[in-house]
């Protein structure tokens, strides 16, 4: 039997394939972030920045922070069903972002755009985890045993790397995001991350201050 010139069997296969594609998780979006030659002083600074410093056990219960965590956790409910895991994730994002001098809401925008909150996401360039960290970073500034799929390790590396790019670009957030994605000079990635942050993650005044230059970079584009 044919339908519009297409055999029924072939049509069924095509429909099934389309359904599988629709159900498949979106691909990780990290670009080909470039491995650069870093000065020894920069390497030493980055090594200090990723040094283990766990999230304080009571961090998420601070009165000034609790409303932000509750709201971000609510917004993540469709992606993470376990409430305790969501709270831990959101508190870790806030801790690691502010520790690096980044806006936690910007970091949530990066995570959504990079991995769509998938812990074990791997890109075609082999970037890994929530913030799609390239493995060469563990060799450059960390240790081979660092597990980039571990929540705190991944967020620690991702936030430190983005901070490094922001400093290297004198506070220009668009250029820093472009370097993070390996697409420096192209507007698509930074524009998408900022749009995602503005659309999904802005919340009152409970966020950390914007990193130096971030507000002016956003406003200027």
N, C-alpha and C. Protein backbone atom coordinates (compact mmCIF):
# COMPACT_ATOMS: atom_id res chain seq x y z
N UNK A 1 0.85 -1.20 0.00
CA UNK A 1 0.00 0.00 0.00
C UNK A 1 0.89 1.25 0.00
N UNK A 2 0.50 2.26 -0.78
CA UNK A 2 1.24 3.51 -0.80
C UNK A 2 0.36 4.65 -0.31
N UNK A 3 0.98 5.62 0.33
CA UNK A 3 0.28 6.82 0.80
C UNK A 3 1.04 8.01 0.25
N UNK A 4 0.41 8.70 -0.71
CA UNK A 4 1.07 9.84 -1.32
C UNK A 4 2.38 9.45 -1.97
N UNK A 5 2.47 8.24 -2.51
CA UNK A 5 3.68 7.79 -3.17
C UNK A 5 4.70 7.18 -2.23
N UNK A 6 4.41 7.10 -0.91
CA UNK A 6 5.33 6.52 0.06
C UNK A 6 4.74 5.21 0.55
N UNK A 7 5.52 4.15 0.54
CA UNK A 7 5.04 2.86 1.02
C UNK A 7 4.70 2.95 2.50
N UNK A 8 3.63 2.25 2.89
CA UNK A 8 3.16 2.31 4.28
C UNK A 8 4.24 1.87 5.25
N UNK A 9 5.00 0.81 4.89
CA UNK A 9 6.05 0.32 5.78
C UNK A 9 7.13 1.36 5.99
N UNK A 10 7.52 2.01 4.89
CA UNK A 10 8.54 3.04 5.00
C UNK A 10 8.05 4.22 5.81
N UNK A 11 6.76 4.56 5.64
CA UNK A 11 6.18 5.67 6.39
C UNK A 11 6.19 5.35 7.89
N UNK A 12 5.85 4.09 8.23
CA UNK A 12 5.83 3.71 9.64
C UNK A 12 7.21 3.80 10.26
N UNK A 13 8.22 3.37 9.49
CA UNK A 13 9.60 3.44 9.99
C UNK A 13 10.02 4.89 10.21
N UNK A 14 9.66 5.74 9.23
CA UNK A 14 10.02 7.15 9.33
C UNK A 14 9.36 7.80 10.54
N UNK A 15 8.07 7.46 10.77
CA UNK A 15 7.36 8.02 11.91
C UNK A 15 7.97 7.55 13.22
N UNK A 16 8.35 6.26 13.27
CA UNK A 16 8.97 5.72 14.48
C UNK A 16 10.30 6.40 14.75
N UNK A 17 11.08 6.60 13.69
CA UNK A 17 12.36 7.26 13.84
C UNK A 17 12.18 8.69 14.34
N UNK A 18 11.16 9.37 13.78
CA UNK A 18 10.89 10.73 14.22
C UNK A 18 10.49 10.79 15.68
N UNK A 19 9.74 9.78 16.12
CA UNK A 19 9.35 9.74 17.52
C UNK A 19 10.55 9.56 18.43
N UNK A 20 11.50 8.69 18.00
CA UNK A 20 12.70 8.47 18.80
C UNK A 20 13.53 9.74 18.90
N UNK A 21 13.63 10.46 17.78
CA UNK A 21 14.37 11.73 17.79
C UNK A 21 13.72 12.71 18.73
N UNK A 22 12.39 12.77 18.71
CA UNK A 22 11.67 13.70 19.57
C UNK A 22 11.89 13.39 21.04
N UNK A 23 12.02 12.05 21.36
CA UNK A 23 12.19 11.65 22.75
C UNK A 23 13.63 11.76 23.21
N UNK A 24 14.57 11.80 22.28
CA UNK A 24 15.99 11.83 22.64
C UNK A 24 16.33 13.16 23.29
N UNK A 25 17.27 13.14 24.27
CA UNK A 25 17.67 14.40 24.90
C UNK A 25 18.36 15.30 23.90
N UNK A 26 18.24 16.60 24.06
CA UNK A 26 18.91 17.52 23.14
C UNK A 26 20.41 17.34 23.23
N UNK A 27 21.14 17.59 22.16
CA UNK A 27 22.58 17.43 22.20
C UNK A 27 23.23 18.48 23.08
N UNK A 28 24.38 18.10 23.68
CA UNK A 28 25.16 19.10 24.40
C UNK A 28 25.72 20.09 23.38
N UNK A 29 25.82 21.36 23.79
CA UNK A 29 26.08 22.41 22.82
C UNK A 29 27.49 22.99 22.88
N UNK A 30 28.35 22.46 23.74
CA UNK A 30 29.67 23.07 23.87
C UNK A 30 30.41 23.06 22.55
N UNK A 31 31.06 24.17 22.25
CA UNK A 31 31.84 24.26 21.04
C UNK A 31 33.25 23.75 21.27
N UNK A 32 34.09 23.98 20.31
CA UNK A 32 35.47 23.52 20.39
C UNK A 32 36.31 24.54 21.15
N UNK A 33 36.11 24.60 22.48
CA UNK A 33 36.85 25.53 23.31
C UNK A 33 38.34 25.28 23.13
N UNK A 34 39.11 26.33 22.95
CA UNK A 34 40.52 26.19 22.60
C UNK A 34 41.39 26.02 23.83
N UNK A 35 42.32 25.09 23.73
CA UNK A 35 43.34 24.95 24.77
C UNK A 35 44.43 25.97 24.49
N UNK A 36 44.68 26.83 25.46
CA UNK A 36 45.63 27.91 25.27
C UNK A 36 46.87 27.71 26.15
N UNK A 37 47.97 28.27 25.70
CA UNK A 37 49.18 28.27 26.52
C UNK A 37 49.02 29.32 27.61
N UNK A 38 49.03 28.88 28.86
CA UNK A 38 48.83 29.79 29.98
C UNK A 38 50.15 30.06 30.69
N UNK A 39 50.33 31.29 31.14
CA UNK A 39 51.51 31.64 31.91
C UNK A 39 51.50 30.87 33.23
N UNK A 40 52.66 30.49 33.74
CA UNK A 40 52.72 29.76 35.01
C UNK A 40 51.96 30.45 36.14
N UNK A 41 52.00 31.77 36.19
CA UNK A 41 51.30 32.50 37.25
C UNK A 41 49.79 32.35 37.11
N UNK A 42 49.30 32.31 35.86
CA UNK A 42 47.87 32.11 35.62
C UNK A 42 47.47 30.71 36.03
N UNK A 43 48.27 29.73 35.66
CA UNK A 43 47.99 28.33 36.03
C UNK A 43 47.92 28.21 37.56
N UNK A 44 48.89 28.81 38.23
CA UNK A 44 48.91 28.74 39.70
C UNK A 44 47.66 29.37 40.30
N UNK A 45 47.23 30.50 39.74
CA UNK A 45 46.02 31.15 40.23
C UNK A 45 44.78 30.31 40.01
N UNK A 46 44.68 29.67 38.85
CA UNK A 46 43.53 28.81 38.56
C UNK A 46 43.55 27.57 39.43
N UNK A 47 44.73 27.04 39.70
CA UNK A 47 44.84 25.89 40.58
C UNK A 47 44.35 26.23 41.98
N UNK A 48 44.70 27.41 42.45
CA UNK A 48 44.21 27.83 43.78
C UNK A 48 42.70 28.00 43.76
N UNK A 49 42.18 28.49 42.64
CA UNK A 49 40.74 28.76 42.55
C UNK A 49 39.91 27.49 42.56
N UNK A 50 40.45 26.39 42.02
CA UNK A 50 39.67 25.15 42.01
C UNK A 50 39.96 24.27 43.21
N UNK A 51 40.84 24.74 44.11
CA UNK A 51 41.16 23.95 45.29
C UNK A 51 39.88 23.62 46.05
N UNK A 52 39.83 22.43 46.56
CA UNK A 52 38.59 21.92 47.17
C UNK A 52 38.18 22.79 48.35
N UNK A 53 36.95 23.23 48.31
CA UNK A 53 36.37 24.02 49.39
C UNK A 53 34.89 23.74 49.38
N UNK A 54 34.45 22.70 50.10
CA UNK A 54 33.06 22.23 50.00
C UNK A 54 32.03 23.30 50.36
N UNK A 55 30.85 23.13 49.83
CA UNK A 55 29.73 24.00 50.18
C UNK A 55 29.42 23.80 51.67
N UNK A 56 29.40 24.87 52.48
CA UNK A 56 29.06 24.71 53.90
C UNK A 56 27.71 24.01 54.06
N UNK A 57 27.60 23.16 55.06
CA UNK A 57 26.39 22.35 55.21
C UNK A 57 25.14 23.20 55.41
N UNK A 58 25.28 24.37 56.00
CA UNK A 58 24.11 25.21 56.25
C UNK A 58 23.96 26.32 55.22
N UNK A 59 24.70 26.23 54.11
CA UNK A 59 24.73 27.33 53.15
C UNK A 59 23.34 27.65 52.60
N UNK A 60 22.59 26.62 52.24
CA UNK A 60 21.27 26.82 51.64
C UNK A 60 20.21 27.30 52.60
N UNK A 61 20.51 27.34 53.89
CA UNK A 61 19.52 27.74 54.88
C UNK A 61 19.70 29.18 55.35
N UNK A 62 20.61 29.91 54.73
CA UNK A 62 20.78 31.31 55.10
C UNK A 62 19.50 32.08 54.76
N UNK A 63 18.96 32.86 55.71
CA UNK A 63 17.69 33.55 55.46
C UNK A 63 17.68 34.39 54.19
N UNK A 64 18.78 35.05 53.88
CA UNK A 64 18.81 35.91 52.69
C UNK A 64 18.84 35.10 51.40
N UNK A 65 19.29 33.85 51.49
CA UNK A 65 19.46 33.03 50.30
C UNK A 65 18.28 32.08 50.06
N UNK A 66 17.58 31.73 51.15
CA UNK A 66 16.56 30.70 51.05
C UNK A 66 15.47 31.02 50.02
N UNK A 67 14.95 32.24 49.93
CA UNK A 67 13.92 32.51 48.90
C UNK A 67 14.42 32.26 47.49
N UNK A 68 15.68 32.61 47.21
CA UNK A 68 16.24 32.39 45.87
C UNK A 68 16.35 30.90 45.59
N UNK A 69 16.85 30.14 46.55
CA UNK A 69 16.97 28.70 46.35
C UNK A 69 15.60 28.07 46.14
N UNK A 70 14.62 28.46 46.94
CA UNK A 70 13.28 27.91 46.79
C UNK A 70 12.71 28.19 45.40
N UNK A 71 12.90 29.42 44.92
CA UNK A 71 12.35 29.79 43.62
C UNK A 71 13.09 29.07 42.49
N UNK A 72 14.41 29.03 42.54
CA UNK A 72 15.16 28.33 41.49
C UNK A 72 14.84 26.84 41.49
N UNK A 73 14.67 26.27 42.69
CA UNK A 73 14.31 24.86 42.79
C UNK A 73 12.95 24.60 42.17
N UNK A 74 12.03 25.52 42.41
CA UNK A 74 10.69 25.37 41.81
C UNK A 74 10.78 25.40 40.28
N UNK A 75 11.59 26.30 39.74
CA UNK A 75 11.71 26.41 38.30
C UNK A 75 12.40 25.19 37.68
N UNK A 76 13.17 24.49 38.48
CA UNK A 76 13.88 23.31 37.98
C UNK A 76 13.09 22.02 38.15
N UNK A 77 11.91 22.09 38.75
CA UNK A 77 11.18 20.88 39.10
C UNK A 77 10.89 19.99 37.90
N UNK A 78 10.65 20.57 36.73
CA UNK A 78 10.34 19.76 35.56
C UNK A 78 11.58 19.02 35.03
N UNK A 79 12.76 19.46 35.44
CA UNK A 79 14.00 18.83 34.98
C UNK A 79 14.62 17.91 36.02
N UNK A 80 14.39 18.21 37.31
CA UNK A 80 14.90 17.39 38.40
C UNK A 80 13.75 17.11 39.35
N UNK A 81 13.36 15.87 39.42
CA UNK A 81 12.16 15.53 40.19
C UNK A 81 12.41 15.48 41.69
N UNK A 82 13.62 15.19 42.11
CA UNK A 82 13.93 15.03 43.52
C UNK A 82 14.19 16.40 44.16
N UNK A 83 13.36 16.78 45.11
CA UNK A 83 13.45 18.11 45.71
C UNK A 83 14.77 18.31 46.44
N UNK A 84 15.23 17.30 47.16
CA UNK A 84 16.49 17.45 47.89
C UNK A 84 17.66 17.62 46.93
N UNK A 85 17.65 16.86 45.83
CA UNK A 85 18.71 16.98 44.83
C UNK A 85 18.68 18.36 44.18
N UNK A 86 17.46 18.89 43.94
CA UNK A 86 17.35 20.23 43.36
C UNK A 86 17.94 21.28 44.30
N UNK A 87 17.59 21.19 45.57
CA UNK A 87 18.11 22.16 46.54
C UNK A 87 19.63 22.11 46.60
N UNK A 88 20.17 20.90 46.60
CA UNK A 88 21.63 20.74 46.64
C UNK A 88 22.26 21.33 45.38
N UNK A 89 21.63 21.07 44.25
CA UNK A 89 22.15 21.59 42.98
C UNK A 89 22.13 23.12 42.98
N UNK A 90 21.01 23.71 43.35
CA UNK A 90 20.87 25.16 43.32
C UNK A 90 21.82 25.82 44.31
N UNK A 91 21.93 25.25 45.51
CA UNK A 91 22.85 25.81 46.50
C UNK A 91 24.29 25.74 46.01
N UNK A 92 24.64 24.63 45.34
CA UNK A 92 26.00 24.49 44.81
C UNK A 92 26.26 25.48 43.69
N UNK A 93 25.28 25.68 42.81
CA UNK A 93 25.42 26.69 41.76
C UNK A 93 25.68 28.06 42.38
N UNK A 94 24.88 28.42 43.36
CA UNK A 94 25.03 29.73 43.98
C UNK A 94 26.39 29.86 44.65
N UNK A 95 26.80 28.85 45.38
CA UNK A 95 28.07 28.90 46.11
C UNK A 95 29.26 29.02 45.15
N UNK A 96 29.29 28.15 44.13
CA UNK A 96 30.43 28.15 43.22
C UNK A 96 30.44 29.41 42.35
N UNK A 97 29.27 29.89 41.96
CA UNK A 97 29.21 31.11 41.14
C UNK A 97 29.70 32.31 41.93
N UNK A 98 29.17 32.50 43.12
CA UNK A 98 29.56 33.66 43.91
C UNK A 98 31.01 33.54 44.36
N UNK A 99 31.48 32.34 44.61
CA UNK A 99 32.89 32.12 44.96
C UNK A 99 33.79 32.60 43.83
N UNK A 100 33.33 32.43 42.59
CA UNK A 100 34.11 32.87 41.43
C UNK A 100 33.80 34.30 41.02
N UNK A 101 32.88 34.96 41.72
CA UNK A 101 32.53 36.32 41.37
C UNK A 101 31.60 36.42 40.18
N UNK A 102 30.75 35.40 40.00
CA UNK A 102 29.80 35.38 38.89
C UNK A 102 28.38 35.47 39.42
N UNK A 103 27.47 35.92 38.57
CA UNK A 103 26.05 35.91 38.91
C UNK A 103 25.54 34.48 38.79
N UNK A 104 24.97 33.88 39.86
CA UNK A 104 24.46 32.51 39.78
C UNK A 104 23.41 32.33 38.68
N UNK A 105 22.67 33.39 38.40
CA UNK A 105 21.63 33.29 37.37
C UNK A 105 22.25 33.21 35.97
N UNK A 106 23.40 33.87 35.78
CA UNK A 106 24.15 33.70 34.55
C UNK A 106 24.63 32.26 34.42
N UNK A 107 25.12 31.69 35.51
CA UNK A 107 25.61 30.31 35.48
C UNK A 107 24.47 29.35 35.15
N UNK A 108 23.30 29.58 35.69
CA UNK A 108 22.14 28.75 35.33
C UNK A 108 21.83 28.86 33.85
N UNK A 109 21.97 30.07 33.29
CA UNK A 109 21.76 30.23 31.85
C UNK A 109 22.77 29.45 31.04
N UNK A 110 24.04 29.47 31.48
CA UNK A 110 25.08 28.70 30.80
C UNK A 110 24.75 27.22 30.87
N UNK A 111 24.39 26.73 32.06
CA UNK A 111 24.09 25.30 32.22
C UNK A 111 22.93 24.88 31.34
N UNK A 112 21.86 25.68 31.32
CA UNK A 112 20.71 25.31 30.50
C UNK A 112 21.10 25.23 29.04
N UNK A 113 21.85 26.22 28.58
CA UNK A 113 22.19 26.25 27.17
C UNK A 113 23.22 25.19 26.81
N UNK A 114 24.14 24.89 27.73
CA UNK A 114 25.21 23.94 27.44
C UNK A 114 24.73 22.48 27.52
N UNK A 115 24.05 22.13 28.60
CA UNK A 115 23.73 20.71 28.84
C UNK A 115 22.26 20.44 29.12
N UNK A 116 21.46 21.49 29.20
CA UNK A 116 20.05 21.36 29.59
C UNK A 116 19.92 20.59 30.91
N UNK A 117 20.85 20.87 31.83
CA UNK A 117 20.84 20.32 33.17
C UNK A 117 21.02 18.81 33.20
N UNK A 118 21.75 18.28 32.23
CA UNK A 118 22.06 16.84 32.21
C UNK A 118 23.45 16.61 32.78
N UNK A 119 23.51 15.90 33.87
CA UNK A 119 24.76 15.68 34.59
C UNK A 119 25.81 14.98 33.74
N UNK A 120 25.38 14.02 32.93
CA UNK A 120 26.34 13.21 32.18
C UNK A 120 26.39 13.58 30.69
N UNK A 121 26.03 14.80 30.37
CA UNK A 121 26.08 15.24 28.97
C UNK A 121 27.53 15.24 28.48
N UNK A 122 27.71 14.80 27.23
CA UNK A 122 29.01 14.84 26.57
C UNK A 122 28.78 15.42 25.17
N UNK A 123 29.55 16.43 24.82
CA UNK A 123 29.39 17.05 23.51
C UNK A 123 30.25 16.34 22.48
N UNK A 124 30.06 16.71 21.23
CA UNK A 124 30.86 16.14 20.16
C UNK A 124 32.34 16.51 20.31
N UNK A 125 32.62 17.58 21.06
CA UNK A 125 34.00 17.98 21.31
C UNK A 125 34.56 17.37 22.60
N UNK A 126 33.76 16.47 23.24
CA UNK A 126 34.13 15.77 24.47
C UNK A 126 34.04 16.63 25.71
N UNK A 127 33.35 17.77 25.64
CA UNK A 127 33.09 18.56 26.84
C UNK A 127 32.09 17.79 27.71
N UNK A 128 32.21 17.97 29.03
CA UNK A 128 31.49 17.06 29.92
C UNK A 128 30.70 17.78 31.01
N UNK A 129 29.56 17.16 31.36
CA UNK A 129 28.81 17.56 32.52
C UNK A 129 27.97 18.80 32.35
N UNK A 130 27.46 19.29 33.47
CA UNK A 130 26.52 20.40 33.48
C UNK A 130 27.04 21.62 32.72
N UNK A 131 28.30 22.00 32.98
CA UNK A 131 28.85 23.21 32.36
C UNK A 131 29.75 22.89 31.18
N UNK A 132 29.73 21.63 30.74
CA UNK A 132 30.45 21.21 29.54
C UNK A 132 31.93 21.63 29.60
N UNK A 133 32.61 21.10 30.60
CA UNK A 133 34.02 21.39 30.81
C UNK A 133 34.87 20.49 29.92
N UNK A 134 35.81 21.07 29.22
CA UNK A 134 36.70 20.30 28.37
C UNK A 134 37.73 19.56 29.24
N UNK A 135 38.00 18.28 28.94
CA UNK A 135 38.90 17.48 29.78
C UNK A 135 40.31 18.04 29.90
N UNK A 136 40.76 18.82 28.93
CA UNK A 136 42.14 19.31 29.03
C UNK A 136 42.34 20.21 30.25
N UNK A 137 41.24 20.77 30.78
CA UNK A 137 41.38 21.65 31.94
C UNK A 137 41.85 20.90 33.17
N UNK A 138 41.42 19.65 33.34
CA UNK A 138 41.88 18.91 34.51
C UNK A 138 43.38 18.64 34.44
N UNK A 139 43.91 18.52 33.23
CA UNK A 139 45.35 18.35 33.06
C UNK A 139 46.08 19.67 33.29
N UNK A 140 45.50 20.78 32.81
CA UNK A 140 46.16 22.07 32.91
C UNK A 140 46.18 22.62 34.33
N UNK A 141 45.06 22.52 35.03
CA UNK A 141 44.95 23.21 36.32
C UNK A 141 44.50 22.31 37.45
N UNK A 142 44.23 21.04 37.16
CA UNK A 142 43.72 20.15 38.19
C UNK A 142 44.50 18.87 38.29
N UNK A 143 43.79 17.76 38.30
CA UNK A 143 44.41 16.45 38.41
C UNK A 143 43.61 15.46 37.59
N UNK A 144 44.28 14.42 37.10
CA UNK A 144 43.64 13.46 36.21
C UNK A 144 42.49 12.73 36.89
N UNK A 145 42.55 12.64 38.23
CA UNK A 145 41.47 11.92 38.93
C UNK A 145 40.24 12.78 39.17
N UNK A 146 40.27 14.05 38.81
CA UNK A 146 39.10 14.89 38.98
C UNK A 146 37.99 14.44 38.05
N UNK A 147 36.84 14.14 38.62
CA UNK A 147 35.69 13.63 37.86
C UNK A 147 34.83 14.80 37.42
N UNK A 148 34.86 15.10 36.12
CA UNK A 148 34.12 16.26 35.61
C UNK A 148 32.61 16.02 35.55
N UNK A 149 32.16 14.81 35.90
CA UNK A 149 30.73 14.56 36.01
C UNK A 149 30.23 14.74 37.45
N UNK A 150 31.15 14.95 38.37
CA UNK A 150 30.76 15.23 39.74
C UNK A 150 30.19 16.65 39.81
N UNK A 151 29.09 16.82 40.50
CA UNK A 151 28.39 18.11 40.53
C UNK A 151 29.32 19.25 40.94
N UNK A 152 29.92 19.14 42.12
CA UNK A 152 30.72 20.25 42.62
C UNK A 152 31.99 20.45 41.80
N UNK A 153 32.61 19.36 41.36
CA UNK A 153 33.82 19.49 40.54
C UNK A 153 33.50 20.19 39.23
N UNK A 154 32.40 19.79 38.59
CA UNK A 154 32.04 20.38 37.31
C UNK A 154 31.73 21.85 37.45
N UNK A 155 30.94 22.19 38.46
CA UNK A 155 30.58 23.60 38.65
C UNK A 155 31.79 24.43 39.08
N UNK A 156 32.66 23.85 39.90
CA UNK A 156 33.87 24.57 40.31
C UNK A 156 34.73 24.90 39.09
N UNK A 157 35.00 23.90 38.27
CA UNK A 157 35.79 24.13 37.07
C UNK A 157 35.10 25.13 36.14
N UNK A 158 33.82 24.90 35.85
CA UNK A 158 33.11 25.76 34.90
C UNK A 158 33.11 27.22 35.32
N UNK A 159 32.84 27.46 36.60
CA UNK A 159 32.79 28.84 37.09
C UNK A 159 34.17 29.48 37.09
N UNK A 160 35.19 28.72 37.48
CA UNK A 160 36.55 29.25 37.49
C UNK A 160 37.01 29.58 36.06
N UNK A 161 36.68 28.70 35.12
CA UNK A 161 37.08 28.93 33.72
C UNK A 161 36.38 30.16 33.16
N UNK A 162 35.07 30.28 33.40
CA UNK A 162 34.35 31.45 32.90
C UNK A 162 34.88 32.73 33.54
N UNK A 163 35.21 32.68 34.83
CA UNK A 163 35.80 33.84 35.49
C UNK A 163 37.15 34.20 34.86
N UNK A 164 37.94 33.18 34.55
CA UNK A 164 39.23 33.39 33.90
C UNK A 164 39.05 34.11 32.57
N UNK A 165 38.09 33.67 31.77
CA UNK A 165 37.84 34.31 30.48
C UNK A 165 37.33 35.73 30.66
N UNK A 166 36.50 35.94 31.68
CA UNK A 166 35.97 37.27 31.93
C UNK A 166 37.10 38.23 32.31
N UNK A 167 38.02 37.76 33.13
CA UNK A 167 39.18 38.59 33.49
C UNK A 167 40.06 38.85 32.27
N UNK A 168 40.26 37.80 31.46
CA UNK A 168 41.12 37.95 30.27
C UNK A 168 40.53 38.94 29.28
N UNK A 169 39.20 39.07 29.28
CA UNK A 169 38.52 39.98 28.36
C UNK A 169 38.12 41.29 29.02
N UNK A 170 38.79 41.60 30.13
CA UNK A 170 38.58 42.89 30.83
C UNK A 170 37.11 43.13 31.17
N UNK A 171 36.40 42.08 31.56
CA UNK A 171 35.02 42.22 31.99
C UNK A 171 33.99 42.19 30.89
N UNK A 172 34.40 41.96 29.64
CA UNK A 172 33.45 41.91 28.53
C UNK A 172 32.78 40.53 28.53
N UNK A 173 31.54 40.50 29.00
CA UNK A 173 30.84 39.23 29.18
C UNK A 173 30.59 38.52 27.86
N UNK A 174 30.26 39.28 26.81
CA UNK A 174 29.99 38.65 25.52
C UNK A 174 31.24 37.94 24.99
N UNK A 175 32.38 38.58 25.09
CA UNK A 175 33.61 37.96 24.62
C UNK A 175 34.00 36.78 25.51
N UNK A 176 33.79 36.92 26.81
CA UNK A 176 34.10 35.82 27.73
C UNK A 176 33.25 34.60 27.43
N UNK A 177 31.97 34.81 27.19
CA UNK A 177 31.09 33.68 26.85
C UNK A 177 31.49 33.07 25.51
N UNK A 178 31.89 33.91 24.57
CA UNK A 178 32.34 33.39 23.29
C UNK A 178 33.57 32.51 23.44
N UNK A 179 34.50 32.90 24.29
CA UNK A 179 35.68 32.08 24.53
C UNK A 179 35.30 30.80 25.26
N UNK A 180 34.36 30.90 26.17
CA UNK A 180 33.92 29.70 26.91
C UNK A 180 33.36 28.66 25.94
N UNK A 181 32.67 29.12 24.94
CA UNK A 181 32.04 28.24 23.96
C UNK A 181 32.96 27.90 22.79
N UNK A 182 34.08 28.58 22.68
CA UNK A 182 34.96 28.36 21.54
C UNK A 182 34.45 29.03 20.28
N UNK A 183 33.68 30.11 20.45
CA UNK A 183 33.13 30.81 19.28
C UNK A 183 33.35 32.31 19.41
N UNK A 184 34.53 32.69 19.89
CA UNK A 184 34.85 34.10 20.10
C UNK A 184 34.65 34.90 18.82
N UNK A 185 33.95 36.03 18.94
CA UNK A 185 33.71 36.89 17.80
C UNK A 185 32.36 36.68 17.15
N UNK A 186 31.67 35.59 17.53
CA UNK A 186 30.34 35.33 16.98
C UNK A 186 29.30 35.63 18.05
N UNK A 187 28.17 36.24 17.69
CA UNK A 187 27.21 36.67 18.70
C UNK A 187 26.22 35.60 19.14
N UNK A 188 26.11 34.50 18.41
CA UNK A 188 25.01 33.56 18.65
C UNK A 188 25.03 32.99 20.07
N UNK A 189 26.18 32.50 20.51
CA UNK A 189 26.23 31.84 21.81
C UNK A 189 26.02 32.82 22.97
N UNK A 190 26.79 33.90 23.07
CA UNK A 190 26.54 34.82 24.20
C UNK A 190 25.14 35.39 24.19
N UNK A 191 24.61 35.69 23.02
CA UNK A 191 23.24 36.22 22.94
C UNK A 191 22.24 35.20 23.47
N UNK A 192 22.46 33.93 23.12
CA UNK A 192 21.53 32.87 23.55
C UNK A 192 21.61 32.66 25.06
N UNK A 193 22.81 32.68 25.62
CA UNK A 193 22.96 32.49 27.06
C UNK A 193 22.30 33.64 27.83
N UNK A 194 22.55 34.87 27.42
CA UNK A 194 21.94 36.01 28.09
C UNK A 194 20.42 35.97 27.96
N UNK A 195 19.92 35.60 26.79
CA UNK A 195 18.47 35.50 26.60
C UNK A 195 17.89 34.42 27.50
N UNK A 196 18.58 33.30 27.63
CA UNK A 196 18.11 32.22 28.50
C UNK A 196 18.09 32.67 29.95
N UNK A 197 19.14 33.36 30.38
CA UNK A 197 19.17 33.87 31.75
C UNK A 197 18.00 34.84 31.99
N UNK A 198 17.81 35.78 31.07
CA UNK A 198 16.75 36.78 31.24
C UNK A 198 15.36 36.16 31.21
N UNK A 199 15.20 35.13 30.40
CA UNK A 199 13.88 34.53 30.24
C UNK A 199 13.52 33.57 31.37
N UNK A 200 14.50 32.86 31.89
CA UNK A 200 14.18 31.77 32.81
C UNK A 200 14.69 31.92 34.23
N UNK A 201 15.74 32.72 34.47
CA UNK A 201 16.41 32.62 35.76
C UNK A 201 16.53 33.92 36.56
N UNK A 202 16.10 35.03 36.03
CA UNK A 202 16.17 36.26 36.81
C UNK A 202 15.17 36.20 37.96
N UNK A 203 15.62 36.67 39.14
CA UNK A 203 14.73 36.64 40.30
C UNK A 203 15.14 37.70 41.30
N UNK A 204 14.40 38.77 41.36
CA UNK A 204 14.55 39.80 42.37
C UNK A 204 15.97 40.26 42.59
N UNK A 205 16.31 40.52 43.83
CA UNK A 205 17.63 41.04 44.18
C UNK A 205 18.46 40.02 44.95
N UNK A 206 18.03 38.76 44.96
CA UNK A 206 18.73 37.76 45.76
C UNK A 206 19.96 37.21 45.07
N UNK A 207 20.16 37.58 43.79
CA UNK A 207 21.33 37.08 43.07
C UNK A 207 22.57 37.84 43.48
N UNK A 208 23.71 37.28 43.11
CA UNK A 208 24.98 37.97 43.35
C UNK A 208 25.10 39.15 42.40
N UNK A 209 25.93 40.13 42.73
CA UNK A 209 26.15 41.24 41.81
C UNK A 209 26.71 40.75 40.49
N UNK A 210 26.43 41.46 39.41
CA UNK A 210 27.03 41.11 38.14
C UNK A 210 28.53 41.21 38.22
N UNK A 211 29.26 40.34 37.51
CA UNK A 211 30.71 40.48 37.47
C UNK A 211 31.10 41.79 36.81
N UNK A 212 32.30 42.26 37.09
CA UNK A 212 32.73 43.56 36.51
C UNK A 212 32.55 43.60 35.00
N UNK A 213 31.88 44.64 34.54
CA UNK A 213 31.71 44.81 33.10
C UNK A 213 30.50 44.10 32.53
N UNK A 214 29.87 43.22 33.31
CA UNK A 214 28.79 42.43 32.73
C UNK A 214 27.62 43.31 32.33
N UNK A 215 27.20 44.20 33.23
CA UNK A 215 26.03 45.02 32.92
C UNK A 215 26.25 45.88 31.71
N UNK A 216 27.44 46.48 31.62
CA UNK A 216 27.70 47.36 30.48
C UNK A 216 27.80 46.57 29.20
N UNK A 217 28.34 45.35 29.27
CA UNK A 217 28.45 44.52 28.06
C UNK A 217 27.07 44.15 27.56
N UNK A 218 26.19 43.76 28.48
CA UNK A 218 24.85 43.37 28.07
C UNK A 218 24.11 44.56 27.48
N UNK A 219 24.19 45.69 28.17
CA UNK A 219 23.44 46.85 27.72
C UNK A 219 23.92 47.36 26.38
N UNK A 220 25.19 47.14 26.10
CA UNK A 220 25.78 47.72 24.89
C UNK A 220 25.45 46.91 23.63
N UNK A 221 24.81 45.76 23.78
CA UNK A 221 24.64 44.91 22.60
C UNK A 221 23.18 44.66 22.34
